Amino acid sequence: DVHCLVVTFPYSNMRYCAALPGENAECVCAGLRTVFEHIGAVPLTLVLDNATGAGHRVAWDRVSIVKVFELFVEHYR
């Protein structure tokens, strides 16, 4: 199976799609890194939708983030 990470930039409406082997945290991080390298920058804000590999909602107002994704975010912060 091939999974796709689609990143949309709201101001330009530009989209970038990265083909990945799965939807786990490692794949999400690899896909985002590919996007960052392609655009030559790291966005100040990311809004993730349906990214269960990065984390999941534990309550209406709380999200649990996977450790691998947390380390990825800290690296690019």
PDB file of N, CA and C in Angstrom:
ATOM      1  N   ASP A   1       0.826  -1.191   0.000  1.00  0.00           N
ATOM      2  CA  ASP A   1       0.000   0.000   0.000  1.00  0.00           C
ATOM      3  C   ASP A   1       0.871   1.256   0.000  1.00  0.00           C
ATOM      4  N   VAL A   2       0.371   2.276  -0.645  1.00  0.00           N
ATOM      5  CA  VAL A   2       1.023   3.582  -0.641  1.00  0.00           C
ATOM      6  C   VAL A   2       0.088   4.571   0.039  1.00  0.00           C
ATOM      7  N   HIS A   3       0.612   5.323   0.968  1.00  0.00           N
ATOM      8  CA  HIS A   3      -0.152   6.340   1.680  1.00  0.00           C
ATOM      9  C   HIS A   3       0.400   7.699   1.285  1.00  0.00           C
ATOM     10  N   CYS A   4      -0.451   8.697   1.295  1.00  0.00           N
ATOM     11  CA  CYS A   4      -0.028  10.039   0.886  1.00  0.00           C
ATOM     12  C   CYS A   4      -0.195  11.028   2.025  1.00  0.00           C
ATOM     13  N   LEU A   5       0.819  11.832   2.212  1.00  0.00           N
ATOM     14  CA  LEU A   5       0.741  12.977   3.116  1.00  0.00           C
ATOM     15  C   LEU A   5       0.556  14.194   2.225  1.00  0.00           C
ATOM     16  N   VAL A   6      -0.562  14.866   2.366  1.00  0.00           N
ATOM     17  CA  VAL A   6      -0.844  16.051   1.558  1.00  0.00           C
ATOM     18  C   VAL A   6      -0.732  17.276   2.454  1.00  0.00           C
ATOM     19  N   VAL A   7       0.109  18.212   2.045  1.00  0.00           N
ATOM     20  CA  VAL A   7       0.310  19.459   2.783  1.00  0.00           C
ATOM     21  C   VAL A   7      -0.212  20.592   1.917  1.00  0.00           C
ATOM     22  N   THR A   8      -1.069  21.427   2.494  1.00  0.00           N
ATOM     23  CA  THR A   8      -1.640  22.568   1.781  1.00  0.00           C
ATOM     24  C   THR A   8      -1.211  23.847   2.483  1.00  0.00           C
ATOM     25  N   PHE A   9      -0.766  24.805   1.692  1.00  0.00           N
ATOM     26  CA  PHE A   9      -0.373  26.103   2.222  1.00  0.00           C
ATOM     27  C   PHE A   9      -1.500  27.083   1.943  1.00  0.00           C
ATOM     28  N   PRO A  10      -2.169  27.591   2.988  1.00  0.00           N
ATOM     29  CA  PRO A  10      -3.408  28.347   2.800  1.00  0.00           C
ATOM     30  C   PRO A  10      -3.277  29.664   2.043  1.00  0.00           C
ATOM     31  N   TYR A  11      -2.186  30.380   2.205  1.00  0.00           N
ATOM     32  CA  TYR A  11      -2.096  31.690   1.554  1.00  0.00           C
ATOM     33  C   TYR A  11      -1.898  31.564   0.049  1.00  0.00           C
ATOM     34  N   SER A  12      -1.077  30.617  -0.365  1.00  0.00           N
ATOM     35  CA  SER A  12      -0.824  30.440  -1.801  1.00  0.00           C
ATOM     36  C   SER A  12      -1.704  29.359  -2.408  1.00  0.00           C
ATOM     37  N   ASN A  13      -2.339  28.551  -1.555  1.00  0.00           N
ATOM     38  CA  ASN A  13      -3.133  27.397  -1.979  1.00  0.00           C
ATOM     39  C   ASN A  13      -2.260  26.356  -2.684  1.00  0.00           C
ATOM     40  N   MET A  14      -0.945  26.434  -2.483  1.00  0.00           N
ATOM     41  CA  MET A  14      -0.028  25.445  -3.030  1.00  0.00           C
ATOM     42  C   MET A  14      -0.181  24.143  -2.248  1.00  0.00           C
ATOM     43  N   ARG A  15      -0.044  23.024  -2.943  1.00  0.00           N
ATOM     44  CA  ARG A  15      -0.140  21.722  -2.291  1.00  0.00           C
ATOM     45  C   ARG A  15       1.101  20.903  -2.611  1.00  0.00           C
ATOM     46  N   TYR A  16       1.450  20.044  -1.673  1.00  0.00           N
ATOM     47  CA  TYR A  16       2.563  19.137  -1.887  1.00  0.00           C
ATOM     48  C   TYR A  16       2.146  17.783  -1.346  1.00  0.00           C
ATOM     49  N   CYS A  17       2.414  16.733  -2.103  1.00  0.00           N
ATOM     50  CA  CYS A  17       2.034  15.381  -1.707  1.00  0.00           C
ATOM     51  C   CYS A  17       3.284  14.517  -1.631  1.00  0.00           C
ATOM     52  N   ALA A  18       3.433  13.794  -0.539  1.00  0.00           N
ATOM     53  CA  ALA A  18       4.560  12.875  -0.368  1.00  0.00           C
ATOM     54  C   ALA A  18       4.009  11.461  -0.229  1.00  0.00           C
ATOM     55  N   ALA A  19       4.487  10.548  -1.062  1.00  0.00           N
ATOM     56  CA  ALA A  19       4.084   9.139  -0.983  1.00  0.00           C
ATOM     57  C   ALA A  19       4.889   8.466   0.125  1.00  0.00           C
ATOM     58  N   LEU A  20       4.188   7.737   0.986  1.00  0.00           N
ATOM     59  CA  LEU A  20       4.817   7.113   2.144  1.00  0.00           C
ATOM     60  C   LEU A  20       4.364   5.658   2.271  1.00  0.00           C
ATOM     61  N   PRO A  21       5.163   4.814   2.932  1.00  0.00           N
ATOM     62  CA  PRO A  21       4.775   3.412   3.083  1.00  0.00           C
ATOM     63  C   PRO A  21       3.735   3.162   4.172  1.00  0.00           C
ATOM     64  N   GLY A  22       3.473   4.139   5.030  1.00  0.00           N
ATOM     65  CA  GLY A  22       2.520   3.949   6.119  1.00  0.00           C
ATOM     66  C   GLY A  22       2.046   5.273   6.675  1.00  0.00           C
ATOM     67  N   GLU A  23       1.312   5.191   7.792  1.00  0.00           N
ATOM     68  CA  GLU A  23       0.768   6.392   8.426  1.00  0.00           C
ATOM     69  C   GLU A  23       1.230   6.528   9.872  1.00  0.00           C
ATOM     70  N   ASN A  24       2.315   5.848  10.225  1.00  0.00           N
ATOM     71  CA  ASN A  24       2.811   5.947  11.595  1.00  0.00           C
ATOM     72  C   ASN A  24       3.621   7.233  11.776  1.00  0.00           C
ATOM     73  N   ALA A  25       4.083   7.462  12.989  1.00  0.00           N
ATOM     74  CA  ALA A  25       4.795   8.710  13.299  1.00  0.00           C
ATOM     75  C   ALA A  25       6.058   8.873  12.468  1.00  0.00           C
ATOM     76  N   GLU A  26       6.782   7.790  12.258  1.00  0.00           N
ATOM     77  CA  GLU A  26       8.013   7.869  11.470  1.00  0.00           C
ATOM     78  C   GLU A  26       7.720   8.314  10.045  1.00  0.00           C
ATOM     79  N   CYS A  27       6.641   7.793   9.466  1.00  0.00           N
ATOM     80  CA  CYS A  27       6.269   8.163   8.094  1.00  0.00           C
ATOM     81  C   CYS A  27       5.802   9.616   8.024  1.00  0.00           C
ATOM     82  N   VAL A  28       5.014  10.045   8.998  1.00  0.00           N
ATOM     83  CA  VAL A  28       4.556  11.439   9.025  1.00  0.00           C
ATOM     84  C   VAL A  28       5.764  12.372   9.112  1.00  0.00           C
ATOM     85  N   CYS A  29       6.709  12.046   9.971  1.00  0.00           N
ATOM     86  CA  CYS A  29       7.917  12.873  10.114  1.00  0.00           C
ATOM     87  C   CYS A  29       8.734  12.886   8.825  1.00  0.00           C
ATOM     88  N   ALA A  30       8.898  11.725   8.207  1.00  0.00           N
ATOM     89  CA  ALA A  30       9.658  11.650   6.955  1.00  0.00           C
ATOM     90  C   ALA A  30       8.978  12.458   5.858  1.00  0.00           C
ATOM     91  N   GLY A  31       7.653  12.373   5.789  1.00  0.00           N
ATOM     92  CA  GLY A  31       6.915  13.134   4.782  1.00  0.00           C
ATOM     93  C   GLY A  31       7.025  14.629   4.998  1.00  0.00           C
ATOM     94  N   LEU A  32       6.893  15.063   6.236  1.00  0.00           N
ATOM     95  CA  LEU A  32       7.019  16.492   6.531  1.00  0.00           C
ATOM     96  C   LEU A  32       8.433  16.985   6.250  1.00  0.00           C
ATOM     97  N   ARG A  33       9.423  16.171   6.579  1.00  0.00           N
ATOM     98  CA  ARG A  33      10.808  16.565   6.286  1.00  0.00           C
ATOM     99  C   ARG A  33      11.007  16.732   4.780  1.00  0.00           C
ATOM    100  N   THR A  34      10.429  15.837   3.993  1.00  0.00           N
ATOM    101  CA  THR A  34      10.505  15.939   2.532  1.00  0.00           C
ATOM    102  C   THR A  34       9.890  17.250   2.052  1.00  0.00           C
ATOM    103  N   VAL A  35       8.746  17.600   2.617  1.00  0.00           N
ATOM    104  CA  VAL A  35       8.079  18.859   2.252  1.00  0.00           C
ATOM    105  C   VAL A  35       8.946  20.047   2.648  1.00  0.00           C
ATOM    106  N   PHE A  36       9.472  20.046   3.870  1.00  0.00           N
ATOM    107  CA  PHE A  36      10.309  21.152   4.338  1.00  0.00           C
ATOM    108  C   PHE A  36      11.523  21.336   3.433  1.00  0.00           C
ATOM    109  N   GLU A  37      12.149  20.227   3.049  1.00  0.00           N
ATOM    110  CA  GLU A  37      13.317  20.315   2.171  1.00  0.00           C
ATOM    111  C   GLU A  37      12.922  20.835   0.788  1.00  0.00           C
ATOM    112  N   HIS A  38      11.762  20.422   0.301  1.00  0.00           N
ATOM    113  CA  HIS A  38      11.306  20.853  -1.025  1.00  0.00           C
ATOM    114  C   HIS A  38      11.039  22.359  -1.061  1.00  0.00           C
ATOM    115  N   ILE A  39      10.404  22.879  -0.014  1.00  0.00           N
ATOM    116  CA  ILE A  39      10.070  24.308  -0.012  1.00  0.00           C
ATOM    117  C   ILE A  39      11.210  25.162   0.540  1.00  0.00           C
ATOM    118  N   GLY A  40      12.199  24.522   1.157  1.00  0.00           N
ATOM    119  CA  GLY A  40      13.347  25.257   1.680  1.00  0.00           C
ATOM    120  C   GLY A  40      13.055  26.046   2.938  1.00  0.00           C
ATOM    121  N   ALA A  41      12.039  25.636   3.669  1.00  0.00           N
ATOM    122  CA  ALA A  41      11.660  26.350   4.891  1.00  0.00           C
ATOM    123  C   ALA A  41      10.820  25.433   5.774  1.00  0.00           C
ATOM    124  N   VAL A  42      10.634  25.873   7.014  1.00  0.00           N
ATOM    125  CA  VAL A  42       9.764  25.170   7.950  1.00  0.00           C
ATOM    126  C   VAL A  42       8.666  26.140   8.366  1.00  0.00           C
ATOM    127  N   PRO A  43       7.394  25.789   8.155  1.00  0.00           N
ATOM    128  CA  PRO A  43       6.305  26.689   8.545  1.00  0.00           C
ATOM    129  C   PRO A  43       6.313  26.952  10.052  1.00  0.00           C
ATOM    130  N   LEU A  44       5.895  28.136  10.434  1.00  0.00           N
ATOM    131  CA  LEU A  44       5.812  28.474  11.857  1.00  0.00           C
ATOM    132  C   LEU A  44       4.697  27.710  12.550  1.00  0.00           C
ATOM    133  N   THR A  45       3.644  27.387  11.808  1.00  0.00           N
ATOM    134  CA  THR A  45       2.489  26.700  12.372  1.00  0.00           C
ATOM    135  C   THR A  45       2.085  25.545  11.473  1.00  0.00           C
ATOM    136  N   LEU A  46       1.798  24.401  12.084  1.00  0.00           N
ATOM    137  CA  LEU A  46       1.241  23.256  11.365  1.00  0.00           C
ATOM    138  C   LEU A  46      -0.107  22.927  11.983  1.00  0.00           C
ATOM    139  N   VAL A  47      -1.092  22.714  11.152  1.00  0.00           N
ATOM    140  CA  VAL A  47      -2.400  22.259  11.612  1.00  0.00           C
ATOM    141  C   VAL A  47      -2.603  20.881  11.004  1.00  0.00           C
ATOM    142  N   LEU A  48      -2.633  19.867  11.849  1.00  0.00           N
ATOM    143  CA  LEU A  48      -2.760  18.497  11.368  1.00  0.00           C
ATOM    144  C   LEU A  48      -4.215  18.055  11.432  1.00  0.00           C
ATOM    145  N   ASP A  49      -4.641  17.390  10.381  1.00  0.00           N
ATOM    146  CA  ASP A  49      -6.000  16.868  10.320  1.00  0.00           C
ATOM    147  C   ASP A  49      -5.907  15.386   9.983  1.00  0.00           C
ATOM    148  N   ASN A  50      -6.451  14.556  10.829  1.00  0.00           N
ATOM    149  CA  ASN A  50      -6.468  13.116  10.594  1.00  0.00           C
ATOM    150  C   ASN A  50      -5.053  12.535  10.557  1.00  0.00           C
ATOM    151  N   ALA A  51      -4.199  12.994  11.436  1.00  0.00           N
ATOM    152  CA  ALA A  51      -2.820  12.503  11.494  1.00  0.00           C
ATOM    153  C   ALA A  51      -2.648  11.617  12.721  1.00  0.00           C
ATOM    154  N   THR A  52      -3.270  10.455  12.696  1.00  0.00           N
ATOM    155  CA  THR A  52      -3.217   9.570  13.859  1.00  0.00           C
ATOM    156  C   THR A  52      -1.807   9.071  14.137  1.00  0.00           C
ATOM    157  N   GLY A  53      -0.924   9.114  13.143  1.00  0.00           N
ATOM    158  CA  GLY A  53       0.462   8.731  13.376  1.00  0.00           C
ATOM    159  C   GLY A  53       1.195   9.714  14.265  1.00  0.00           C
ATOM    160  N   ALA A  54       0.755  10.965  14.271  1.00  0.00           N
ATOM    161  CA  ALA A  54       1.403  12.004  15.068  1.00  0.00           C
ATOM    162  C   ALA A  54       0.820  12.093  16.474  1.00  0.00           C
ATOM    163  N   GLY A  55      -0.420  11.720  16.629  1.00  0.00           N
ATOM    164  CA  GLY A  55      -1.072  11.798  17.929  1.00  0.00           C
ATOM    165  C   GLY A  55      -2.541  11.489  17.798  1.00  0.00           C
ATOM    166  N   HIS A  56      -3.240  11.550  18.917  1.00  0.00           N
ATOM    167  CA  HIS A  56      -4.680  11.313  18.880  1.00  0.00           C
ATOM    168  C   HIS A  56      -5.361  12.078  20.013  1.00  0.00           C
ATOM    169  N   ARG A  57      -6.613  12.366  19.799  1.00  0.00           N
ATOM    170  CA  ARG A  57      -7.390  13.132  20.772  1.00  0.00           C
ATOM    171  C   ARG A  57      -7.777  12.221  21.937  1.00  0.00           C
ATOM    172  N   VAL A  58      -7.456  12.656  23.151  1.00  0.00           N
ATOM    173  CA  VAL A  58      -7.813  11.893  24.345  1.00  0.00           C
ATOM    174  C   VAL A  58      -9.012  12.506  25.056  1.00  0.00           C
ATOM    175  N   ALA A  59      -9.312  13.732  24.742  1.00  0.00           N
ATOM    176  CA  ALA A  59     -10.490  14.433  25.251  1.00  0.00           C
ATOM    177  C   ALA A  59     -10.789  15.550  24.262  1.00  0.00           C
ATOM    178  N   TRP A  60     -11.940  16.164  24.394  1.00  0.00           N
ATOM    179  CA  TRP A  60     -12.334  17.201  23.445  1.00  0.00           C
ATOM    180  C   TRP A  60     -11.280  18.292  23.324  1.00  0.00           C
ATOM    181  N   ASP A  61     -10.634  18.619  24.440  1.00  0.00           N
ATOM    182  CA  ASP A  61      -9.674  19.726  24.450  1.00  0.00           C
ATOM    183  C   ASP A  61      -8.226  19.286  24.676  1.00  0.00           C
ATOM    184  N   ARG A  62      -7.963  17.978  24.545  1.00  0.00           N
ATOM    185  CA  ARG A  62      -6.603  17.475  24.777  1.00  0.00           C
ATOM    186  C   ARG A  62      -6.191  16.496  23.688  1.00  0.00           C
ATOM    187  N   VAL A  63      -4.923  16.602  23.298  1.00  0.00           N
ATOM    188  CA  VAL A  63      -4.359  15.700  22.294  1.00  0.00           C
ATOM    189  C   VAL A  63      -3.105  15.063  22.869  1.00  0.00           C
ATOM    190  N   SER A  64      -2.967  13.765  22.681  1.00  0.00           N
ATOM    191  CA  SER A  64      -1.763  13.048  23.083  1.00  0.00           C
ATOM    192  C   SER A  64      -0.861  12.925  21.859  1.00  0.00           C
ATOM    193  N   ILE A  65       0.373  13.418  21.975  1.00  0.00           N
ATOM    194  CA  ILE A  65       1.305  13.414  20.845  1.00  0.00           C
ATOM    195  C   ILE A  65       2.282  12.255  21.002  1.00  0.00           C
ATOM    196  N   VAL A  66       2.510  11.525  19.917  1.00  0.00           N
ATOM    197  CA  VAL A  66       3.452  10.411  19.904  1.00  0.00           C
ATOM    198  C   VAL A  66       4.865  10.956  20.130  1.00  0.00           C
ATOM    199  N   LYS A  67       5.669  10.262  20.929  1.00  0.00           N
ATOM    200  CA  LYS A  67       7.002  10.731  21.313  1.00  0.00           C
ATOM    201  C   LYS A  67       7.887  11.043  20.102  1.00  0.00           C
ATOM    202  N   VAL A  68       7.860  10.191  19.088  1.00  0.00           N
ATOM    203  CA  VAL A  68       8.682  10.420  17.889  1.00  0.00           C
ATOM    204  C   VAL A  68       8.310  11.746  17.236  1.00  0.00           C
ATOM    205  N   PHE A  69       7.014  12.025  17.138  1.00  0.00           N
ATOM    206  CA  PHE A  69       6.570  13.274  16.526  1.00  0.00           C
ATOM    207  C   PHE A  69       6.922  14.465  17.415  1.00  0.00           C
ATOM    208  N   GLU A  70       6.828  14.286  18.717  1.00  0.00           N
ATOM    209  CA  GLU A  70       7.207  15.350  19.655  1.00  0.00           C
ATOM    210  C   GLU A  70       8.684  15.722  19.481  1.00  0.00           C
ATOM    211  N   LEU A  71       9.545  14.729  19.334  1.00  0.00           N
ATOM    212  CA  LEU A  71      10.973  14.985  19.113  1.00  0.00           C
ATOM    213  C   LEU A  71      11.213  15.662  17.768  1.00  0.00           C
ATOM    214  N   PHE A  72      10.457  15.278  16.755  1.00  0.00           N
ATOM    215  CA  PHE A  72      10.546  15.897  15.431  1.00  0.00           C
ATOM    216  C   PHE A  72      10.195  17.382  15.517  1.00  0.00           C
ATOM    217  N   VAL A  73       9.118  17.689  16.220  1.00  0.00           N
ATOM    218  CA  VAL A  73       8.682  19.083  16.389  1.00  0.00           C
ATOM    219  C   VAL A  73       9.750  19.879  17.132  1.00  0.00           C
ATOM    220  N   GLU A  74      10.299  19.315  18.188  1.00  0.00           N
ATOM    221  CA  GLU A  74      11.342  20.010  18.949  1.00  0.00           C
ATOM    222  C   GLU A  74      12.570  20.282  18.082  1.00  0.00           C
ATOM    223  N   HIS A  75      12.899  19.353  17.204  1.00  0.00           N
ATOM    224  CA  HIS A  75      14.054  19.531  16.322  1.00  0.00           C
ATOM    225  C   HIS A  75      13.859  20.721  15.384  1.00  0.00           C
ATOM    226  N   TYR A  76      12.648  20.881  14.862  1.00  0.00           N
ATOM    227  CA  TYR A  76      12.384  21.946  13.890  1.00  0.00           C
ATOM    228  C   TYR A  76      11.880  23.234  14.524  1.00  0.00           C
ATOM    229  N   ARG A  77      11.706  23.266  15.823  1.00  0.00           N
ATOM    230  CA  ARG A  77      11.207  24.465  16.501  1.00  0.00           C
ATOM    231  C   ARG A  77      12.231  25.552  16.492  1.00  0.00           C
TER     232      ARG A  77
END
